[in-house]
Amino acid sequence: MGRRPATMRPRDPQGDGTGLRFETGEHGGDYPDNMPQAITVIDAQGRWAVYVPLRVGGEIVVPESPVHWG
């Protein structure tokens, strides 16, 4: 599966999430917690995207805050 074109990605015209639906996938994973390993976002028109943890070399990576990019 590849990257979805911008026209197929979920939209939130109000910017407040009211038109979006979130579904969690399998829980658990690399750490002893109950965090979802995938989150599917679906908008009112049925466009969807699946978000998964960022991995580098098979390990989950927590990116720095954009405040530190610079």
PDB file of N, CA and C in Angstrom:
ATOM      1  N   MET A   1       0.847  -1.160   0.000  1.00  0.00           N
ATOM      2  CA  MET A   1       0.000   0.000   0.000  1.00  0.00           C
ATOM      3  C   MET A   1       0.901   1.235   0.000  1.00  0.00           C
ATOM      4  N   GLY A   2       0.570   2.189  -0.806  1.00  0.00           N
ATOM      5  CA  GLY A   2       1.384   3.396  -0.892  1.00  0.00           C
ATOM      6  C   GLY A   2       0.689   4.603  -0.295  1.00  0.00           C
ATOM      7  N   ARG A   3       1.289   5.736  -0.525  1.00  0.00           N
ATOM      8  CA  ARG A   3       0.748   6.995  -0.026  1.00  0.00           C
ATOM      9  C   ARG A   3      -0.522   7.355  -0.780  1.00  0.00           C
ATOM     10  N   ARG A   4      -1.549   7.800  -0.057  1.00  0.00           N
ATOM     11  CA  ARG A   4      -2.815   8.193  -0.678  1.00  0.00           C
ATOM     12  C   ARG A   4      -2.677   9.602  -1.239  1.00  0.00           C
ATOM     13  N   PRO A   5      -3.199   9.849  -2.449  1.00  0.00           N
ATOM     14  CA  PRO A   5      -3.155  11.208  -2.988  1.00  0.00           C
ATOM     15  C   PRO A   5      -3.969  12.152  -2.106  1.00  0.00           C
ATOM     16  N   ALA A   6      -3.612  13.431  -2.113  1.00  0.00           N
ATOM     17  CA  ALA A   6      -4.274  14.420  -1.260  1.00  0.00           C
ATOM     18  C   ALA A   6      -5.791  14.427  -1.452  1.00  0.00           C
ATOM     19  N   THR A   7      -6.259  14.172  -2.653  1.00  0.00           N
ATOM     20  CA  THR A   7      -7.705  14.185  -2.913  1.00  0.00           C
ATOM     21  C   THR A   7      -8.432  13.027  -2.252  1.00  0.00           C
ATOM     22  N   MET A   8      -7.698  12.001  -1.831  1.00  0.00           N
ATOM     23  CA  MET A   8      -8.305  10.824  -1.208  1.00  0.00           C
ATOM     24  C   MET A   8      -8.141  10.804   0.312  1.00  0.00           C
ATOM     25  N   ARG A   9      -7.430  11.785   0.865  1.00  0.00           N
ATOM     26  CA  ARG A   9      -7.205  11.825   2.316  1.00  0.00           C
ATOM     27  C   ARG A   9      -8.384  12.483   3.025  1.00  0.00           C
ATOM     28  N   PRO A  10      -8.619  12.098   4.273  1.00  0.00           N
ATOM     29  CA  PRO A  10      -9.729  12.696   5.034  1.00  0.00           C
ATOM     30  C   PRO A  10      -9.579  14.215   5.147  1.00  0.00           C
ATOM     31  N   ARG A  11     -10.719  14.882   5.176  1.00  0.00           N
ATOM     32  CA  ARG A  11     -10.759  16.341   5.303  1.00  0.00           C
ATOM     33  C   ARG A  11     -11.504  16.735   6.572  1.00  0.00           C
ATOM     34  N   ASP A  12     -11.087  17.845   7.154  1.00  0.00           N
ATOM     35  CA  ASP A  12     -11.740  18.412   8.334  1.00  0.00           C
ATOM     36  C   ASP A  12     -11.921  19.909   8.086  1.00  0.00           C
ATOM     37  N   PRO A  13     -12.918  20.281   7.264  1.00  0.00           N
ATOM     38  CA  PRO A  13     -13.080  21.681   6.874  1.00  0.00           C
ATOM     39  C   PRO A  13     -13.271  22.631   8.053  1.00  0.00           C
ATOM     40  N   GLN A  14     -13.914  22.170   9.123  1.00  0.00           N
ATOM     41  CA  GLN A  14     -14.136  23.038  10.278  1.00  0.00           C
ATOM     42  C   GLN A  14     -12.885  23.150  11.159  1.00  0.00           C
ATOM     43  N   GLY A  15     -11.962  22.202  11.024  1.00  0.00           N
ATOM     44  CA  GLY A  15     -10.744  22.224  11.819  1.00  0.00           C
ATOM     45  C   GLY A  15     -10.948  21.826  13.272  1.00  0.00           C
ATOM     46  N   ASP A  16     -12.106  21.211  13.566  1.00  0.00           N
ATOM     47  CA  ASP A  16     -12.379  20.835  14.960  1.00  0.00           C
ATOM     48  C   ASP A  16     -12.687  19.350  15.125  1.00  0.00           C
ATOM     49  N   GLY A  17     -12.559  18.571  14.067  1.00  0.00           N
ATOM     50  CA  GLY A  17     -12.770  17.125  14.151  1.00  0.00           C
ATOM     51  C   GLY A  17     -14.214  16.662  14.140  1.00  0.00           C
ATOM     52  N   THR A  18     -15.177  17.589  14.015  1.00  0.00           N
ATOM     53  CA  THR A  18     -16.582  17.180  14.096  1.00  0.00           C
ATOM     54  C   THR A  18     -17.012  16.277  12.945  1.00  0.00           C
ATOM     55  N   GLY A  19     -16.380  16.374  11.794  1.00  0.00           N
ATOM     56  CA  GLY A  19     -16.764  15.537  10.664  1.00  0.00           C
ATOM     57  C   GLY A  19     -15.923  14.291  10.513  1.00  0.00           C
ATOM     58  N   LEU A  20     -15.092  13.990  11.501  1.00  0.00           N
ATOM     59  CA  LEU A  20     -14.191  12.838  11.405  1.00  0.00           C
ATOM     60  C   LEU A  20     -14.613  11.726  12.351  1.00  0.00           C
ATOM     61  N   ARG A  21     -14.333  10.485  11.923  1.00  0.00           N
ATOM     62  CA  ARG A  21     -14.564   9.316  12.770  1.00  0.00           C
ATOM     63  C   ARG A  21     -13.206   8.624  12.940  1.00  0.00           C
ATOM     64  N   PHE A  22     -12.905   8.184  14.146  1.00  0.00           N
ATOM     65  CA  PHE A  22     -11.640   7.527  14.451  1.00  0.00           C
ATOM     66  C   PHE A  22     -11.919   6.100  14.892  1.00  0.00           C
ATOM     67  N   GLU A  23     -11.190   5.147  14.297  1.00  0.00           N
ATOM     68  CA  GLU A  23     -11.311   3.734  14.678  1.00  0.00           C
ATOM     69  C   GLU A  23      -9.920   3.225  15.018  1.00  0.00           C
ATOM     70  N   THR A  24      -9.796   2.558  16.155  1.00  0.00           N
ATOM     71  CA  THR A  24      -8.497   2.020  16.540  1.00  0.00           C
ATOM     72  C   THR A  24      -8.360   0.585  16.058  1.00  0.00           C
ATOM     73  N   GLY A  25      -7.126   0.231  15.748  1.00  0.00           N
ATOM     74  CA  GLY A  25      -6.831  -1.132  15.327  1.00  0.00           C
ATOM     75  C   GLY A  25      -6.364  -1.956  16.509  1.00  0.00           C
ATOM     76  N   GLU A  26      -5.530  -2.928  16.245  1.00  0.00           N
ATOM     77  CA  GLU A  26      -5.002  -3.813  17.285  1.00  0.00           C
ATOM     78  C   GLU A  26      -4.265  -3.010  18.350  1.00  0.00           C
ATOM     79  N   HIS A  27      -4.402  -3.418  19.596  1.00  0.00           N
ATOM     80  CA  HIS A  27      -3.736  -2.738  20.715  1.00  0.00           C
ATOM     81  C   HIS A  27      -2.541  -3.552  21.192  1.00  0.00           C
ATOM     82  N   GLY A  28      -1.658  -2.903  21.920  1.00  0.00           N
ATOM     83  CA  GLY A  28      -0.457  -3.564  22.422  1.00  0.00           C
ATOM     84  C   GLY A  28       0.703  -3.271  21.499  1.00  0.00           C
ATOM     85  N   GLY A  29       1.623  -4.188  21.378  1.00  0.00           N
ATOM     86  CA  GLY A  29       2.748  -3.979  20.474  1.00  0.00           C
ATOM     87  C   GLY A  29       4.076  -4.084  21.180  1.00  0.00           C
ATOM     88  N   ASP A  30       4.973  -3.137  20.874  1.00  0.00           N
ATOM     89  CA  ASP A  30       6.348  -3.193  21.382  1.00  0.00           C
ATOM     90  C   ASP A  30       6.477  -2.888  22.869  1.00  0.00           C
ATOM     91  N   TYR A  31       5.504  -2.183  23.425  1.00  0.00           N
ATOM     92  CA  TYR A  31       5.589  -1.759  24.819  1.00  0.00           C
ATOM     93  C   TYR A  31       4.452  -2.370  25.617  1.00  0.00           C
ATOM     94  N   PRO A  32       4.631  -2.524  26.947  1.00  0.00           N
ATOM     95  CA  PRO A  32       3.570  -3.103  27.780  1.00  0.00           C
ATOM     96  C   PRO A  32       2.476  -2.056  28.073  1.00  0.00           C
ATOM     97  N   ASP A  33       1.748  -1.692  27.056  1.00  0.00           N
ATOM     98  CA  ASP A  33       0.681  -0.704  27.209  1.00  0.00           C
ATOM     99  C   ASP A  33      -0.523  -1.143  26.392  1.00  0.00           C
ATOM    100  N   ASN A  34      -1.507  -0.333  26.348  1.00  0.00           N
ATOM    101  CA  ASN A  34      -2.722  -0.676  25.611  1.00  0.00           C
ATOM    102  C   ASN A  34      -2.977   0.334  24.499  1.00  0.00           C
ATOM    103  N   MET A  35      -1.912   0.866  23.912  1.00  0.00           N
ATOM    104  CA  MET A  35      -2.037   1.852  22.846  1.00  0.00           C
ATOM    105  C   MET A  35      -2.381   1.162  21.526  1.00  0.00           C
ATOM    106  N   PRO A  36      -3.222   1.789  20.709  1.00  0.00           N
ATOM    107  CA  PRO A  36      -3.537   1.199  19.411  1.00  0.00           C
ATOM    108  C   PRO A  36      -2.311   1.220  18.497  1.00  0.00           C
ATOM    109  N   GLN A  37      -2.147   0.186  17.705  1.00  0.00           N
ATOM    110  CA  GLN A  37      -1.040   0.110  16.766  1.00  0.00           C
ATOM    111  C   GLN A  37      -1.401   0.687  15.407  1.00  0.00           C
ATOM    112  N   ALA A  38      -2.658   1.082  15.251  1.00  0.00           N
ATOM    113  CA  ALA A  38      -3.109   1.761  14.032  1.00  0.00           C
ATOM    114  C   ALA A  38      -4.381   2.534  14.368  1.00  0.00           C
ATOM    115  N   ILE A  39      -4.501   3.710  13.766  1.00  0.00           N
ATOM    116  CA  ILE A  39      -5.712   4.513  13.911  1.00  0.00           C
ATOM    117  C   ILE A  39      -6.189   4.857  12.509  1.00  0.00           C
ATOM    118  N   THR A  40      -7.438   4.525  12.208  1.00  0.00           N
ATOM    119  CA  THR A  40      -8.036   4.867  10.925  1.00  0.00           C
ATOM    120  C   THR A  40      -8.893   6.107  11.123  1.00  0.00           C
ATOM    121  N   VAL A  41      -8.694   7.098  10.256  1.00  0.00           N
ATOM    122  CA  VAL A  41      -9.476   8.330  10.280  1.00  0.00           C
ATOM    123  C   VAL A  41     -10.350   8.334   9.033  1.00  0.00           C
ATOM    124  N   ILE A  42     -11.651   8.558   9.231  1.00  0.00           N
ATOM    125  CA  ILE A  42     -12.615   8.541   8.126  1.00  0.00           C
ATOM    126  C   ILE A  42     -13.408   9.843   8.179  1.00  0.00           C
ATOM    127  N   ASP A  43     -13.529  10.529   7.030  1.00  0.00           N
ATOM    128  CA  ASP A  43     -14.300  11.773   7.022  1.00  0.00           C
ATOM    129  C   ASP A  43     -15.735  11.518   6.580  1.00  0.00           C
ATOM    130  N   ALA A  44     -16.537  12.568   6.566  1.00  0.00           N
ATOM    131  CA  ALA A  44     -17.970  12.446   6.259  1.00  0.00           C
ATOM    132  C   ALA A  44     -18.226  11.922   4.845  1.00  0.00           C
ATOM    133  N   GLN A  45     -17.282  12.108   3.925  1.00  0.00           N
ATOM    134  CA  GLN A  45     -17.440  11.618   2.551  1.00  0.00           C
ATOM    135  C   GLN A  45     -16.873  10.212   2.355  1.00  0.00           C
ATOM    136  N   GLY A  46     -16.364   9.608   3.424  1.00  0.00           N
ATOM    137  CA  GLY A  46     -15.845   8.247   3.343  1.00  0.00           C
ATOM    138  C   GLY A  46     -14.378   8.150   3.000  1.00  0.00           C
ATOM    139  N   ARG A  47     -13.686   9.293   2.835  1.00  0.00           N
ATOM    140  CA  ARG A  47     -12.241   9.239   2.592  1.00  0.00           C
ATOM    141  C   ARG A  47     -11.576   8.777   3.883  1.00  0.00           C
ATOM    142  N   TRP A  48     -10.498   8.008   3.766  1.00  0.00           N
ATOM    143  CA  TRP A  48      -9.882   7.450   4.965  1.00  0.00           C
ATOM    144  C   TRP A  48      -8.365   7.403   4.841  1.00  0.00           C
ATOM    145  N   ALA A  49      -7.719   7.298   5.984  1.00  0.00           N
ATOM    146  CA  ALA A  49      -6.275   7.110   6.058  1.00  0.00           C
ATOM    147  C   ALA A  49      -5.983   6.318   7.322  1.00  0.00           C
ATOM    148  N   VAL A  50      -4.950   5.484   7.260  1.00  0.00           N
ATOM    149  CA  VAL A  50      -4.532   4.690   8.417  1.00  0.00           C
ATOM    150  C   VAL A  50      -3.193   5.242   8.896  1.00  0.00           C
ATOM    151  N   TYR A  51      -3.125   5.548  10.180  1.00  0.00           N
ATOM    152  CA  TYR A  51      -1.904   6.063  10.784  1.00  0.00           C
ATOM    153  C   TYR A  51      -1.321   4.985  11.691  1.00  0.00           C
ATOM    154  N   VAL A  52      -0.021   4.733  11.535  1.00  0.00           N
ATOM    155  CA  VAL A  52       0.678   3.712  12.315  1.00  0.00           C
ATOM    156  C   VAL A  52       1.906   4.351  12.961  1.00  0.00           C
ATOM    157  N   PRO A  53       2.466   3.732  14.007  1.00  0.00           N
ATOM    158  CA  PRO A  53       3.666   4.295  14.635  1.00  0.00           C
ATOM    159  C   PRO A  53       4.817   4.393  13.634  1.00  0.00           C
ATOM    160  N   LEU A  54       5.590   5.452  13.755  1.00  0.00           N
ATOM    161  CA  LEU A  54       6.785   5.641  12.940  1.00  0.00           C
ATOM    162  C   LEU A  54       7.852   4.662  13.411  1.00  0.00           C
ATOM    163  N   ARG A  55       8.419   3.927  12.474  1.00  0.00           N
ATOM    164  CA  ARG A  55       9.463   2.955  12.810  1.00  0.00           C
ATOM    165  C   ARG A  55      10.706   3.228  11.979  1.00  0.00           C
ATOM    166  N   VAL A  56      11.861   3.067  12.618  1.00  0.00           N
ATOM    167  CA  VAL A  56      13.143   3.140  11.942  1.00  0.00           C
ATOM    168  C   VAL A  56      13.930   1.912  12.385  1.00  0.00           C
ATOM    169  N   GLY A  57      14.336   1.101  11.433  1.00  0.00           N
ATOM    170  CA  GLY A  57      15.066  -0.122  11.768  1.00  0.00           C
ATOM    171  C   GLY A  57      14.250  -1.077  12.615  1.00  0.00           C
ATOM    172  N   GLY A  58      12.914  -1.062  12.445  1.00  0.00           N
ATOM    173  CA  GLY A  58      12.041  -1.960  13.183  1.00  0.00           C
ATOM    174  C   GLY A  58      11.658  -1.478  14.571  1.00  0.00           C
ATOM    175  N   GLU A  59      12.219  -0.341  15.003  1.00  0.00           N
ATOM    176  CA  GLU A  59      11.933   0.196  16.336  1.00  0.00           C
ATOM    177  C   GLU A  59      11.011   1.409  16.225  1.00  0.00           C
ATOM    178  N   ILE A  60      10.057   1.524  17.151  1.00  0.00           N
ATOM    179  CA  ILE A  60       9.189   2.691  17.179  1.00  0.00           C
ATOM    180  C   ILE A  60      10.013   3.912  17.555  1.00  0.00           C
ATOM    181  N   VAL A  61       9.811   4.995  16.812  1.00  0.00           N
ATOM    182  CA  VAL A  61      10.548   6.234  17.026  1.00  0.00           C
ATOM    183  C   VAL A  61       9.561   7.316  17.450  1.00  0.00           C
ATOM    184  N   VAL A  62       9.914   8.063  18.475  1.00  0.00           N
ATOM    185  CA  VAL A  62       9.113   9.204  18.900  1.00  0.00           C
ATOM    186  C   VAL A  62       9.794  10.442  18.337  1.00  0.00           C
ATOM    187  N   PRO A  63       9.166  11.097  17.339  1.00  0.00           N
ATOM    188  CA  PRO A  63       9.818  12.262  16.735  1.00  0.00           C
ATOM    189  C   PRO A  63       9.886  13.439  17.706  1.00  0.00           C
ATOM    190  N   GLU A  64      10.843  14.311  17.462  1.00  0.00           N
ATOM    191  CA  GLU A  64      10.940  15.532  18.263  1.00  0.00           C
ATOM    192  C   GLU A  64       9.763  16.442  17.939  1.00  0.00           C
ATOM    193  N   SER A  65       9.466  17.312  18.853  1.00  0.00           N
ATOM    194  CA  SER A  65       8.432  18.319  18.631  1.00  0.00           C
ATOM    195  C   SER A  65       8.869  19.241  17.506  1.00  0.00           C
ATOM    196  N   PRO A  66       7.940  19.699  16.643  1.00  0.00           N
ATOM    197  CA  PRO A  66       8.315  20.639  15.583  1.00  0.00           C
ATOM    198  C   PRO A  66       8.949  21.916  16.130  1.00  0.00           C
ATOM    199  N   VAL A  67       8.718  22.228  17.401  1.00  0.00           N
ATOM    200  CA  VAL A  67       9.329  23.417  18.019  1.00  0.00           C
ATOM    201  C   VAL A  67      10.847  23.309  17.972  1.00  0.00           C
ATOM    202  N   HIS A  68      11.374  22.075  18.030  1.00  0.00           N
ATOM    203  CA  HIS A  68      12.819  21.863  18.047  1.00  0.00           C
ATOM    204  C   HIS A  68      13.429  21.773  16.649  1.00  0.00           C
ATOM    205  N   TRP A  69      12.597  21.799  15.615  1.00  0.00           N
ATOM    206  CA  TRP A  69      13.123  21.756  14.251  1.00  0.00           C
ATOM    207  C   TRP A  69      13.585  23.150  13.896  1.00  0.00           C
ATOM    208  N   GLY A  70      14.701  23.298  13.388  1.00  0.00           N
ATOM    209  CA  GLY A  70      14.965  24.637  13.085  1.00  0.00           C
ATOM    210  C   GLY A  70      16.140  25.064  12.439  1.00  0.00           C
TER     211      GLY A  70
END
